[in-house]
Amino acid sequence: MTRDYLVTNEFVHPDRIAHIFGGVLPISERPPESKGHYGKDKGTLDICFVAAKYTPNGADKGFDVFLDIVSRMRESAPDAVFHVVGGFGPEDVADKGLLEAIRFHGFGRRIR
């Protein structure tokens, strides 16, 4: 579904998409609130990285790739807001200049 959305709206060429299998874990009994749709109901494009932290740099989960994406997109996509949910925090980001573009939420709560 995500791949089709990205390709149909011409956000990215299909050759640039990599599917990394993951799972969905319930964190709440209440249904999620609608946050709206980018370009229609809200002015921000929210891009999220969700993972538990098992290694120091998070390369096993792709955290290094996420940080590279933040670095590349923050200038060219000023409407993008980057979120990290899980075991990673500001101390895991070597380039401290990226911290202004990332919101950390911990496991179910915002930590910065």
PDB file of N, CA and C in Angstrom:
ATOM      1  N   MET A   1       0.828  -1.181   0.000  1.00  0.00           N
ATOM      2  CA  MET A   1       0.000   0.000   0.000  1.00  0.00           C
ATOM      3  C   MET A   1       0.887   1.266   0.000  1.00  0.00           C
ATOM      4  N   THR A   2       1.898   1.274   0.840  1.00  0.00           N
ATOM      5  CA  THR A   2       2.786   2.441   0.908  1.00  0.00           C
ATOM      6  C   THR A   2       3.546   2.614  -0.403  1.00  0.00           C
ATOM      7  N   ARG A   3       4.059   1.496  -0.939  1.00  0.00           N
ATOM      8  CA  ARG A   3       4.794   1.547  -2.202  1.00  0.00           C
ATOM      9  C   ARG A   3       3.899   2.119  -3.306  1.00  0.00           C
ATOM     10  N   ASP A   4       2.672   1.613  -3.408  1.00  0.00           N
ATOM     11  CA  ASP A   4       1.743   2.083  -4.437  1.00  0.00           C
ATOM     12  C   ASP A   4       1.474   3.584  -4.298  1.00  0.00           C
ATOM     13  N   TYR A   5       1.311   4.041  -3.058  1.00  0.00           N
ATOM     14  CA  TYR A   5       1.063   5.460  -2.811  1.00  0.00           C
ATOM     15  C   TYR A   5       2.251   6.307  -3.292  1.00  0.00           C
ATOM     16  N   LEU A   6       3.456   5.892  -2.938  1.00  0.00           N
ATOM     17  CA  LEU A   6       4.649   6.641  -3.317  1.00  0.00           C
ATOM     18  C   LEU A   6       4.844   6.682  -4.831  1.00  0.00           C
ATOM     19  N   VAL A   7       4.608   5.544  -5.486  1.00  0.00           N
ATOM     20  CA  VAL A   7       4.794   5.455  -6.935  1.00  0.00           C
ATOM     21  C   VAL A   7       3.678   6.179  -7.681  1.00  0.00           C
ATOM     22  N   THR A   8       2.437   5.965  -7.280  1.00  0.00           N
ATOM     23  CA  THR A   8       1.294   6.598  -7.942  1.00  0.00           C
ATOM     24  C   THR A   8       1.380   8.119  -7.894  1.00  0.00           C
ATOM     25  N   ASN A   9       1.822   8.644  -6.779  1.00  0.00           N
ATOM     26  CA  ASN A   9       1.938  10.098  -6.623  1.00  0.00           C
ATOM     27  C   ASN A   9       3.284  10.640  -7.076  1.00  0.00           C
ATOM     28  N   GLU A  10       4.096   9.758  -7.663  1.00  0.00           N
ATOM     29  CA  GLU A  10       5.396  10.118  -8.234  1.00  0.00           C
ATOM     30  C   GLU A  10       6.326  10.793  -7.235  1.00  0.00           C
ATOM     31  N   PHE A  11       6.281  10.314  -5.964  1.00  0.00           N
ATOM     32  CA  PHE A  11       7.205  10.822  -4.960  1.00  0.00           C
ATOM     33  C   PHE A  11       8.593  10.225  -5.127  1.00  0.00           C
ATOM     34  N   VAL A  12       8.642   9.001  -5.680  1.00  0.00           N
ATOM     35  CA  VAL A  12       9.917   8.307  -5.825  1.00  0.00           C
ATOM     36  C   VAL A  12       9.786   7.254  -6.925  1.00  0.00           C
ATOM     37  N   HIS A  13      10.883   6.992  -7.621  1.00  0.00           N
ATOM     38  CA  HIS A  13      10.892   5.955  -8.654  1.00  0.00           C
ATOM     39  C   HIS A  13      10.858   4.588  -7.975  1.00  0.00           C
ATOM     40  N   PRO A  14      10.118   3.629  -8.533  1.00  0.00           N
ATOM     41  CA  PRO A  14       9.996   2.302  -7.903  1.00  0.00           C
ATOM     42  C   PRO A  14      11.334   1.623  -7.608  1.00  0.00           C
ATOM     43  N   ASP A  15      12.349   1.889  -8.416  1.00  0.00           N
ATOM     44  CA  ASP A  15      13.666   1.274  -8.203  1.00  0.00           C
ATOM     45  C   ASP A  15      14.351   1.776  -6.931  1.00  0.00           C
ATOM     46  N   ARG A  16      13.853   2.866  -6.384  1.00  0.00           N
ATOM     47  CA  ARG A  16      14.474   3.463  -5.198  1.00  0.00           C
ATOM     48  C   ARG A  16      13.792   3.025  -3.900  1.00  0.00           C
ATOM     49  N   ILE A  17      12.831   2.114  -3.995  1.00  0.00           N
ATOM     50  CA  ILE A  17      12.076   1.669  -2.826  1.00  0.00           C
ATOM     51  C   ILE A  17      12.567   0.297  -2.398  1.00  0.00           C
ATOM     52  N   ALA A  18      12.849   0.161  -1.118  1.00  0.00           N
ATOM     53  CA  ALA A  18      13.246  -1.134  -0.549  1.00  0.00           C
ATOM     54  C   ALA A  18      12.261  -1.488   0.550  1.00  0.00           C
ATOM     55  N   HIS A  19      11.691  -2.665   0.463  1.00  0.00           N
ATOM     56  CA  HIS A  19      10.768  -3.118   1.506  1.00  0.00           C
ATOM     57  C   HIS A  19      11.564  -3.824   2.588  1.00  0.00           C
ATOM     58  N   ILE A  20      11.473  -3.335   3.796  1.00  0.00           N
ATOM     59  CA  ILE A  20      12.126  -3.958   4.945  1.00  0.00           C
ATOM     60  C   ILE A  20      11.004  -4.465   5.832  1.00  0.00           C
ATOM     61  N   PHE A  21      10.878  -5.793   5.917  1.00  0.00           N
ATOM     62  CA  PHE A  21       9.768  -6.395   6.634  1.00  0.00           C
ATOM     63  C   PHE A  21       9.788  -6.012   8.107  1.00  0.00           C
ATOM     64  N   GLY A  22       8.643  -5.709   8.639  1.00  0.00           N
ATOM     65  CA  GLY A  22       8.499  -5.382  10.052  1.00  0.00           C
ATOM     66  C   GLY A  22       7.134  -5.817  10.532  1.00  0.00           C
ATOM     67  N   GLY A  23       6.814  -5.479  11.724  1.00  0.00           N
ATOM     68  CA  GLY A  23       5.534  -5.869  12.282  1.00  0.00           C
ATOM     69  C   GLY A  23       4.845  -4.696  12.935  1.00  0.00           C
ATOM     70  N   VAL A  24       3.576  -4.863  13.208  1.00  0.00           N
ATOM     71  CA  VAL A  24       2.786  -3.837  13.883  1.00  0.00           C
ATOM     72  C   VAL A  24       2.491  -4.327  15.290  1.00  0.00           C
ATOM     73  N   LEU A  25       2.774  -3.492  16.261  1.00  0.00           N
ATOM     74  CA  LEU A  25       2.539  -3.848  17.648  1.00  0.00           C
ATOM     75  C   LEU A  25       1.505  -2.906  18.247  1.00  0.00           C
ATOM     76  N   PRO A  26       0.484  -3.440  18.874  1.00  0.00           N
ATOM     77  CA  PRO A  26      -0.510  -2.551  19.491  1.00  0.00           C
ATOM     78  C   PRO A  26       0.080  -1.870  20.727  1.00  0.00           C
ATOM     79  N   ILE A  27      -0.094  -0.558  20.825  1.00  0.00           N
ATOM     80  CA  ILE A  27       0.403   0.163  21.999  1.00  0.00           C
ATOM     81  C   ILE A  27      -0.726   0.830  22.769  1.00  0.00           C
ATOM     82  N   SER A  28      -1.936   0.728  22.255  1.00  0.00           N
ATOM     83  CA  SER A  28      -3.045   1.404  22.899  1.00  0.00           C
ATOM     84  C   SER A  28      -4.342   0.659  22.610  1.00  0.00           C
ATOM     85  N   GLU A  29      -5.254   0.733  23.531  1.00  0.00           N
ATOM     86  CA  GLU A  29      -6.569   0.130  23.331  1.00  0.00           C
ATOM     87  C   GLU A  29      -7.510   1.073  22.591  1.00  0.00           C
ATOM     88  N   ARG A  30      -7.208   2.357  22.592  1.00  0.00           N
ATOM     89  CA  ARG A  30      -8.104   3.311  21.943  1.00  0.00           C
ATOM     90  C   ARG A  30      -7.756   3.437  20.456  1.00  0.00           C
ATOM     91  N   PRO A  31      -8.753   3.691  19.629  1.00  0.00           N
ATOM     92  CA  PRO A  31      -8.482   3.833  18.192  1.00  0.00           C
ATOM     93  C   PRO A  31      -7.668   5.095  17.923  1.00  0.00           C
ATOM     94  N   PRO A  32      -6.799   5.057  16.914  1.00  0.00           N
ATOM     95  CA  PRO A  32      -5.996   6.245  16.616  1.00  0.00           C
ATOM     96  C   PRO A  32      -6.869   7.382  16.101  1.00  0.00           C
ATOM     97  N   GLU A  33      -6.491   8.600  16.464  1.00  0.00           N
ATOM     98  CA  GLU A  33      -7.197   9.777  15.972  1.00  0.00           C
ATOM     99  C   GLU A  33      -6.684  10.099  14.574  1.00  0.00           C
ATOM    100  N   SER A  34      -7.550  10.587  13.735  1.00  0.00           N
ATOM    101  CA  SER A  34      -7.125  10.984  12.405  1.00  0.00           C
ATOM    102  C   SER A  34      -6.301  12.259  12.516  1.00  0.00           C
ATOM    103  N   LYS A  35      -5.141  12.256  11.924  1.00  0.00           N
ATOM    104  CA  LYS A  35      -4.265  13.429  11.941  1.00  0.00           C
ATOM    105  C   LYS A  35      -4.373  14.229  10.653  1.00  0.00           C
ATOM    106  N   GLY A  36      -5.191  13.753   9.719  1.00  0.00           N
ATOM    107  CA  GLY A  36      -5.343  14.445   8.456  1.00  0.00           C
ATOM    108  C   GLY A  36      -4.353  13.960   7.418  1.00  0.00           C
ATOM    109  N   HIS A  37      -4.471  14.509   6.231  1.00  0.00           N
ATOM    110  CA  HIS A  37      -3.620  14.123   5.117  1.00  0.00           C
ATOM    111  C   HIS A  37      -2.769  15.311   4.676  1.00  0.00           C
ATOM    112  N   TYR A  38      -1.493  15.038   4.411  1.00  0.00           N
ATOM    113  CA  TYR A  38      -0.556  16.066   3.953  1.00  0.00           C
ATOM    114  C   TYR A  38      -1.062  16.696   2.658  1.00  0.00           C
ATOM    115  N   GLY A  39      -1.026  18.006   2.623  1.00  0.00           N
ATOM    116  CA  GLY A  39      -1.447  18.743   1.444  1.00  0.00           C
ATOM    117  C   GLY A  39      -2.937  18.992   1.369  1.00  0.00           C
ATOM    118  N   LYS A  40      -3.691  18.298   2.222  1.00  0.00           N
ATOM    119  CA  LYS A  40      -5.145  18.478   2.220  1.00  0.00           C
ATOM    120  C   LYS A  40      -5.609  19.033   3.556  1.00  0.00           C
ATOM    121  N   ASP A  41      -5.306  18.309   4.629  1.00  0.00           N
ATOM    122  CA  ASP A  41      -5.750  18.692   5.971  1.00  0.00           C
ATOM    123  C   ASP A  41      -4.640  19.263   6.847  1.00  0.00           C
ATOM    124  N   LYS A  42      -3.404  19.076   6.426  1.00  0.00           N
ATOM    125  CA  LYS A  42      -2.282  19.562   7.228  1.00  0.00           C
ATOM    126  C   LYS A  42      -1.110  19.911   6.331  1.00  0.00           C
ATOM    127  N   GLY A  43      -0.226  20.733   6.841  1.00  0.00           N
ATOM    128  CA  GLY A  43       0.883  21.219   6.038  1.00  0.00           C
ATOM    129  C   GLY A  43       2.197  20.505   6.262  1.00  0.00           C
ATOM    130  N   THR A  44       2.188  19.416   7.028  1.00  0.00           N
ATOM    131  CA  THR A  44       3.430  18.688   7.267  1.00  0.00           C
ATOM    132  C   THR A  44       3.352  17.269   6.738  1.00  0.00           C
ATOM    133  N   LEU A  45       4.478  16.801   6.226  1.00  0.00           N
ATOM    134  CA  LEU A  45       4.627  15.416   5.794  1.00  0.00           C
ATOM    135  C   LEU A  45       5.390  14.705   6.903  1.00  0.00           C
ATOM    136  N   ASP A  46       4.717  13.822   7.628  1.00  0.00           N
ATOM    137  CA  ASP A  46       5.340  13.131   8.753  1.00  0.00           C
ATOM    138  C   ASP A  46       5.999  11.842   8.275  1.00  0.00           C
ATOM    139  N   ILE A  47       7.290  11.733   8.537  1.00  0.00           N
ATOM    140  CA  ILE A  47       8.064  10.546   8.160  1.00  0.00           C
ATOM    141  C   ILE A  47       8.573   9.923   9.450  1.00  0.00           C
ATOM    142  N   CYS A  48       8.243   8.653   9.641  1.00  0.00           N
ATOM    143  CA  CYS A  48       8.519   8.000  10.925  1.00  0.00           C
ATOM    144  C   CYS A  48       9.490   6.834  10.807  1.00  0.00           C
ATOM    145  N   PHE A  49      10.299   6.685  11.834  1.00  0.00           N
ATOM    146  CA  PHE A  49      11.161   5.515  12.013  1.00  0.00           C
ATOM    147  C   PHE A  49      10.735   4.899  13.336  1.00  0.00           C
ATOM    148  N   VAL A  50      10.348   3.632  13.301  1.00  0.00           N
ATOM    149  CA  VAL A  50       9.865   2.961  14.502  1.00  0.00           C
ATOM    150  C   VAL A  50      10.657   1.679  14.691  1.00  0.00           C
ATOM    151  N   ALA A  51      11.381   1.569  15.824  1.00  0.00           N
ATOM    152  CA  ALA A  51      12.158   0.354  16.081  1.00  0.00           C
ATOM    153  C   ALA A  51      12.688   0.351  17.502  1.00  0.00           C
ATOM    154  N   ALA A  52      12.831  -0.848  18.028  1.00  0.00           N
ATOM    155  CA  ALA A  52      13.543  -1.018  19.291  1.00  0.00           C
ATOM    156  C   ALA A  52      15.037  -0.965  18.986  1.00  0.00           C
ATOM    157  N   LYS A  53      15.818  -0.555  19.947  1.00  0.00           N
ATOM    158  CA  LYS A  53      17.268  -0.423  19.756  1.00  0.00           C
ATOM    159  C   LYS A  53      17.981  -1.631  20.352  1.00  0.00           C
ATOM    160  N   TYR A  54      18.699  -2.369  19.489  1.00  0.00           N
ATOM    161  CA  TYR A  54      19.443  -3.539  19.943  1.00  0.00           C
ATOM    162  C   TYR A  54      20.945  -3.407  19.747  1.00  0.00           C
ATOM    163  N   THR A  55      21.374  -2.523  18.851  1.00  0.00           N
ATOM    164  CA  THR A  55      22.803  -2.306  18.630  1.00  0.00           C
ATOM    165  C   THR A  55      23.103  -0.821  18.792  1.00  0.00           C
ATOM    166  N   PRO A  56      24.342  -0.469  19.110  1.00  0.00           N
ATOM    167  CA  PRO A  56      24.667   0.935  19.405  1.00  0.00           C
ATOM    168  C   PRO A  56      24.289   1.936  18.310  1.00  0.00           C
ATOM    169  N   ASN A  57      24.556   1.635  17.045  1.00  0.00           N
ATOM    170  CA  ASN A  57      24.265   2.619  15.997  1.00  0.00           C
ATOM    171  C   ASN A  57      22.956   2.352  15.260  1.00  0.00           C
ATOM    172  N   GLY A  58      22.295   1.250  15.572  1.00  0.00           N
ATOM    173  CA  GLY A  58      21.006   0.948  14.969  1.00  0.00           C
ATOM    174  C   GLY A  58      21.067   0.518  13.515  1.00  0.00           C
ATOM    175  N   ALA A  59      22.266   0.162  13.017  1.00  0.00           N
ATOM    176  CA  ALA A  59      22.388  -0.251  11.618  1.00  0.00           C
ATOM    177  C   ALA A  59      21.585  -1.510  11.328  1.00  0.00           C
ATOM    178  N   ASP A  60      21.390  -2.355  12.348  1.00  0.00           N
ATOM    179  CA  ASP A  60      20.593  -3.572  12.143  1.00  0.00           C
ATOM    180  C   ASP A  60      19.124  -3.253  11.884  1.00  0.00           C
ATOM    181  N   LYS A  61      18.687  -2.053  12.243  1.00  0.00           N
ATOM    182  CA  LYS A  61      17.301  -1.630  12.042  1.00  0.00           C
ATOM    183  C   LYS A  61      17.165  -0.587  10.937  1.00  0.00           C
ATOM    184  N   GLY A  62      18.280  -0.082  10.425  1.00  0.00           N
ATOM    185  CA  GLY A  62      18.225   0.939   9.385  1.00  0.00           C
ATOM    186  C   GLY A  62      18.197   2.358   9.908  1.00  0.00           C
ATOM    187  N   PHE A  63      18.561   2.560  11.170  1.00  0.00           N
ATOM    188  CA  PHE A  63      18.556   3.916  11.725  1.00  0.00           C
ATOM    189  C   PHE A  63      19.552   4.809  10.991  1.00  0.00           C
ATOM    190  N   ASP A  64      20.676   4.232  10.569  1.00  0.00           N
ATOM    191  CA  ASP A  64      21.666   4.987   9.802  1.00  0.00           C
ATOM    192  C   ASP A  64      21.076   5.456   8.470  1.00  0.00           C
ATOM    193  N   VAL A  65      20.269   4.621   7.849  1.00  0.00           N
ATOM    194  CA  VAL A  65      19.612   4.987   6.589  1.00  0.00           C
ATOM    195  C   VAL A  65      18.592   6.099   6.839  1.00  0.00           C
ATOM    196  N   PHE A  66      17.826   5.981   7.911  1.00  0.00           N
ATOM    197  CA  PHE A  66      16.855   7.019   8.265  1.00  0.00           C
ATOM    198  C   PHE A  66      17.559   8.363   8.464  1.00  0.00           C
ATOM    199  N   LEU A  67      18.674   8.374   9.193  1.00  0.00           N
ATOM    200  CA  LEU A  67      19.404   9.624   9.416  1.00  0.00           C
ATOM    201  C   LEU A  67      19.923  10.208   8.111  1.00  0.00           C
ATOM    202  N   ASP A  68      20.335   9.351   7.192  1.00  0.00           N
ATOM    203  CA  ASP A  68      20.785   9.816   5.881  1.00  0.00           C
ATOM    204  C   ASP A  68      19.622  10.473   5.133  1.00  0.00           C
ATOM    205  N   ILE A  69      18.441   9.878   5.239  1.00  0.00           N
ATOM    206  CA  ILE A  69      17.251  10.447   4.603  1.00  0.00           C
ATOM    207  C   ILE A  69      16.924  11.813   5.209  1.00  0.00           C
ATOM    208  N   VAL A  70      16.985  11.906   6.541  1.00  0.00           N
ATOM    209  CA  VAL A  70      16.744  13.197   7.203  1.00  0.00           C
ATOM    210  C   VAL A  70      17.731  14.232   6.671  1.00  0.00           C
ATOM    211  N   SER A  71      18.990  13.868   6.592  1.00  0.00           N
ATOM    212  CA  SER A  71      20.029  14.779   6.124  1.00  0.00           C
ATOM    213  C   SER A  71      19.758  15.263   4.703  1.00  0.00           C
ATOM    214  N   ARG A  72      19.338  14.361   3.848  1.00  0.00           N
ATOM    215  CA  ARG A  72      19.101  14.712   2.445  1.00  0.00           C
ATOM    216  C   ARG A  72      17.809  15.491   2.243  1.00  0.00           C
ATOM    217  N   MET A  73      16.793  15.203   3.040  1.00  0.00           N
ATOM    218  CA  MET A  73      15.477  15.798   2.807  1.00  0.00           C
ATOM    219  C   MET A  73      15.205  17.090   3.552  1.00  0.00           C
ATOM    220  N   ARG A  74      15.890  17.362   4.628  1.00  0.00           N
ATOM    221  CA  ARG A  74      15.490  18.502   5.457  1.00  0.00           C
ATOM    222  C   ARG A  74      15.603  19.835   4.736  1.00  0.00           C
ATOM    223  N   GLU A  75      16.540  19.958   3.791  1.00  0.00           N
ATOM    224  CA  GLU A  75      16.660  21.206   3.030  1.00  0.00           C
ATOM    225  C   GLU A  75      15.660  21.241   1.866  1.00  0.00           C
ATOM    226  N   SER A  76      15.502  20.098   1.185  1.00  0.00           N
ATOM    227  CA  SER A  76      14.662  20.066  -0.013  1.00  0.00           C
ATOM    228  C   SER A  76      13.180  19.868   0.289  1.00  0.00           C
ATOM    229  N   ALA A  77      12.859  19.404   1.492  1.00  0.00           N
ATOM    230  CA  ALA A  77      11.460  19.175   1.867  1.00  0.00           C
ATOM    231  C   ALA A  77      11.184  19.844   3.207  1.00  0.00           C
ATOM    232  N   PRO A  78      11.063  21.169   3.218  1.00  0.00           N
ATOM    233  CA  PRO A  78      10.889  21.890   4.486  1.00  0.00           C
ATOM    234  C   PRO A  78       9.605  21.542   5.231  1.00  0.00           C
ATOM    235  N   ASP A  79       8.632  20.941   4.552  1.00  0.00           N
ATOM    236  CA  ASP A  79       7.381  20.547   5.207  1.00  0.00           C
ATOM    237  C   ASP A  79       7.494  19.196   5.917  1.00  0.00           C
ATOM    238  N   ALA A  80       8.613  18.500   5.745  1.00  0.00           N
ATOM    239  CA  ALA A  80       8.779  17.174   6.352  1.00  0.00           C
ATOM    240  C   ALA A  80       9.115  17.303   7.837  1.00  0.00           C
ATOM    241  N   VAL A  81       8.450  16.489   8.639  1.00  0.00           N
ATOM    242  CA  VAL A  81       8.742  16.378  10.071  1.00  0.00           C
ATOM    243  C   VAL A  81       9.111  14.924  10.315  1.00  0.00           C
ATOM    244  N   PHE A  82      10.267  14.699  10.904  1.00  0.00           N
ATOM    245  CA  PHE A  82      10.785  13.351  11.106  1.00  0.00           C
ATOM    246  C   PHE A  82      10.554  12.923  12.553  1.00  0.00           C
ATOM    247  N   HIS A  83      10.027  11.721  12.715  1.00  0.00           N
ATOM    248  CA  HIS A  83       9.713  11.187  14.038  1.00  0.00           C
ATOM    249  C   HIS A  83      10.472   9.888  14.255  1.00  0.00           C
ATOM    250  N   VAL A  84      10.932   9.691  15.488  1.00  0.00           N
ATOM    251  CA  VAL A  84      11.568   8.433  15.882  1.00  0.00           C
ATOM    252  C   VAL A  84      10.798   7.892  17.075  1.00  0.00           C
ATOM    253  N   VAL A  85      10.249   6.689  16.915  1.00  0.00           N
ATOM    254  CA  VAL A  85       9.505   6.028  17.978  1.00  0.00           C
ATOM    255  C   VAL A  85      10.253   4.760  18.337  1.00  0.00           C
ATOM    256  N   GLY A  86      10.549   4.587  19.604  1.00  0.00           N
ATOM    257  CA  GLY A  86      11.265   3.385  20.035  1.00  0.00           C
ATOM    258  C   GLY A  86      12.426   3.725  20.935  1.00  0.00           C
ATOM    259  N   GLY A  87      13.454   2.913  20.874  1.00  0.00           N
ATOM    260  CA  GLY A  87      14.568   3.024  21.811  1.00  0.00           C
ATOM    261  C   GLY A  87      15.664   3.993  21.446  1.00  0.00           C
ATOM    262  N   PHE A  88      15.530   4.722  20.367  1.00  0.00           N
ATOM    263  CA  PHE A  88      16.579   5.654  19.952  1.00  0.00           C
ATOM    264  C   PHE A  88      16.291   7.050  20.497  1.00  0.00           C
ATOM    265  N   GLY A  89      17.363   7.800  20.775  1.00  0.00           N
ATOM    266  CA  GLY A  89      17.224   9.149  21.297  1.00  0.00           C
ATOM    267  C   GLY A  89      18.255  10.077  20.697  1.00  0.00           C
ATOM    268  N   PRO A  90      18.256  11.328  21.113  1.00  0.00           N
ATOM    269  CA  PRO A  90      19.194  12.317  20.573  1.00  0.00           C
ATOM    270  C   PRO A  90      20.657  11.895  20.684  1.00  0.00           C
ATOM    271  N   GLU A  91      20.978  11.129  21.701  1.00  0.00           N
ATOM    272  CA  GLU A  91      22.366  10.679  21.887  1.00  0.00           C
ATOM    273  C   GLU A  91      22.818   9.709  20.794  1.00  0.00           C
ATOM    274  N   ASP A  92      21.901   9.169  20.016  1.00  0.00           N
ATOM    275  CA  ASP A  92      22.229   8.229  18.943  1.00  0.00           C
ATOM    276  C   ASP A  92      22.472   8.919  17.605  1.00  0.00           C
ATOM    277  N   VAL A  93      22.384  10.234  17.573  1.00  0.00           N
ATOM    278  CA  VAL A  93      22.569  11.001  16.346  1.00  0.00           C
ATOM    279  C   VAL A  93      23.924  11.712  16.403  1.00  0.00           C
ATOM    280  N   ALA A  94      24.851  11.289  15.540  1.00  0.00           N
ATOM    281  CA  ALA A  94      26.195  11.877  15.530  1.00  0.00           C
ATOM    282  C   ALA A  94      26.164  13.318  15.020  1.00  0.00           C
ATOM    283  N   ASP A  95      25.413  13.581  13.955  1.00  0.00           N
ATOM    284  CA  ASP A  95      25.303  14.919  13.384  1.00  0.00           C
ATOM    285  C   ASP A  95      24.239  15.689  14.164  1.00  0.00           C
ATOM    286  N   LYS A  96      24.661  16.431  15.158  1.00  0.00           N
ATOM    287  CA  LYS A  96      23.726  17.134  16.044  1.00  0.00           C
ATOM    288  C   LYS A  96      22.896  18.180  15.306  1.00  0.00           C
ATOM    289  N   GLY A  97      23.315  18.584  14.116  1.00  0.00           N
ATOM    290  CA  GLY A  97      22.535  19.517  13.315  1.00  0.00           C
ATOM    291  C   GLY A  97      21.208  18.929  12.856  1.00  0.00           C
ATOM    292  N   LEU A  98      21.113  17.600  12.847  1.00  0.00           N
ATOM    293  CA  LEU A  98      19.865  16.943  12.447  1.00  0.00           C
ATOM    294  C   LEU A  98      18.806  16.977  13.539  1.00  0.00           C
ATOM    295  N   LEU A  99      19.227  17.212  14.775  1.00  0.00           N
ATOM    296  CA  LEU A  99      18.297  17.117  15.902  1.00  0.00           C
ATOM    297  C   LEU A  99      17.133  18.102  15.817  1.00  0.00           C
ATOM    298  N   GLU A 100      17.351  19.246  15.184  1.00  0.00           N
ATOM    299  CA  GLU A 100      16.267  20.224  15.068  1.00  0.00           C
ATOM    300  C   GLU A 100      15.142  19.719  14.157  1.00  0.00           C
ATOM    301  N   ALA A 101      15.443  18.728  13.319  1.00  0.00           N
ATOM    302  CA  ALA A 101      14.443  18.210  12.384  1.00  0.00           C
ATOM    303  C   ALA A 101      13.751  16.940  12.883  1.00  0.00           C
ATOM    304  N   ILE A 102      14.225  16.381  14.003  1.00  0.00           N
ATOM    305  CA  ILE A 102      13.712  15.087  14.464  1.00  0.00           C
ATOM    306  C   ILE A 102      12.998  15.233  15.804  1.00  0.00           C
ATOM    307  N   ARG A 103      11.861  14.568  15.922  1.00  0.00           N
ATOM    308  CA  ARG A 103      11.137  14.487  17.193  1.00  0.00           C
ATOM    309  C   ARG A 103      11.239  13.053  17.705  1.00  0.00           C
ATOM    310  N   PHE A 104      11.692  12.902  18.923  1.00  0.00           N
ATOM    311  CA  PHE A 104      11.832  11.583  19.534  1.00  0.00           C
ATOM    312  C   PHE A 104      10.666  11.326  20.466  1.00  0.00           C
ATOM    313  N   HIS A 105      10.091  10.133  20.353  1.00  0.00           N
ATOM    314  CA  HIS A 105       8.898   9.809  21.133  1.00  0.00           C
ATOM    315  C   HIS A 105       9.086   8.674  22.122  1.00  0.00           C
ATOM    316  N   GLY A 106      10.227   8.021  22.157  1.00  0.00           N
ATOM    317  CA  GLY A 106      10.416   6.902  23.068  1.00  0.00           C
ATOM    318  C   GLY A 106       9.418   5.797  22.782  1.00  0.00           C
ATOM    319  N   PHE A 107       9.099   5.009  23.774  1.00  0.00           N
ATOM    320  CA  PHE A 107       8.091   3.970  23.620  1.00  0.00           C
ATOM    321  C   PHE A 107       6.775   4.497  24.182  1.00  0.00           C
ATOM    322  N   GLY A 108       5.994   5.156  23.340  1.00  0.00           N
ATOM    323  CA  GLY A 108       4.688   5.638  23.764  1.00  0.00           C
ATOM    324  C   GLY A 108       4.662   6.992  24.428  1.00  0.00           C
ATOM    325  N   ARG A 109       5.794   7.691  24.475  1.00  0.00           N
ATOM    326  CA  ARG A 109       5.798   9.028  25.060  1.00  0.00           C
ATOM    327  C   ARG A 109       6.871   9.865  24.356  1.00  0.00           C
ATOM    328  N   ARG A 110       6.633  11.132  24.253  1.00  0.00           N
ATOM    329  CA  ARG A 110       7.603  12.012  23.597  1.00  0.00           C
ATOM    330  C   ARG A 110       8.726  12.345  24.553  1.00  0.00           C
ATOM    331  N   ILE A 111       9.981  12.186  24.097  1.00  0.00           N
ATOM    332  CA  ILE A 111      11.119  12.486  24.965  1.00  0.00           C
ATOM    333  C   ILE A 111      11.875  13.740  24.511  1.00  0.00           C
ATOM    334  N   ARG A 112      11.600  14.263  23.358  1.00  0.00           N
ATOM    335  CA  ARG A 112      12.150  15.534  22.891  1.00  0.00           C
ATOM    336  C   ARG A 112      11.364  16.003  21.718  1.00  0.00           C
TER     337      ARG A 112
END
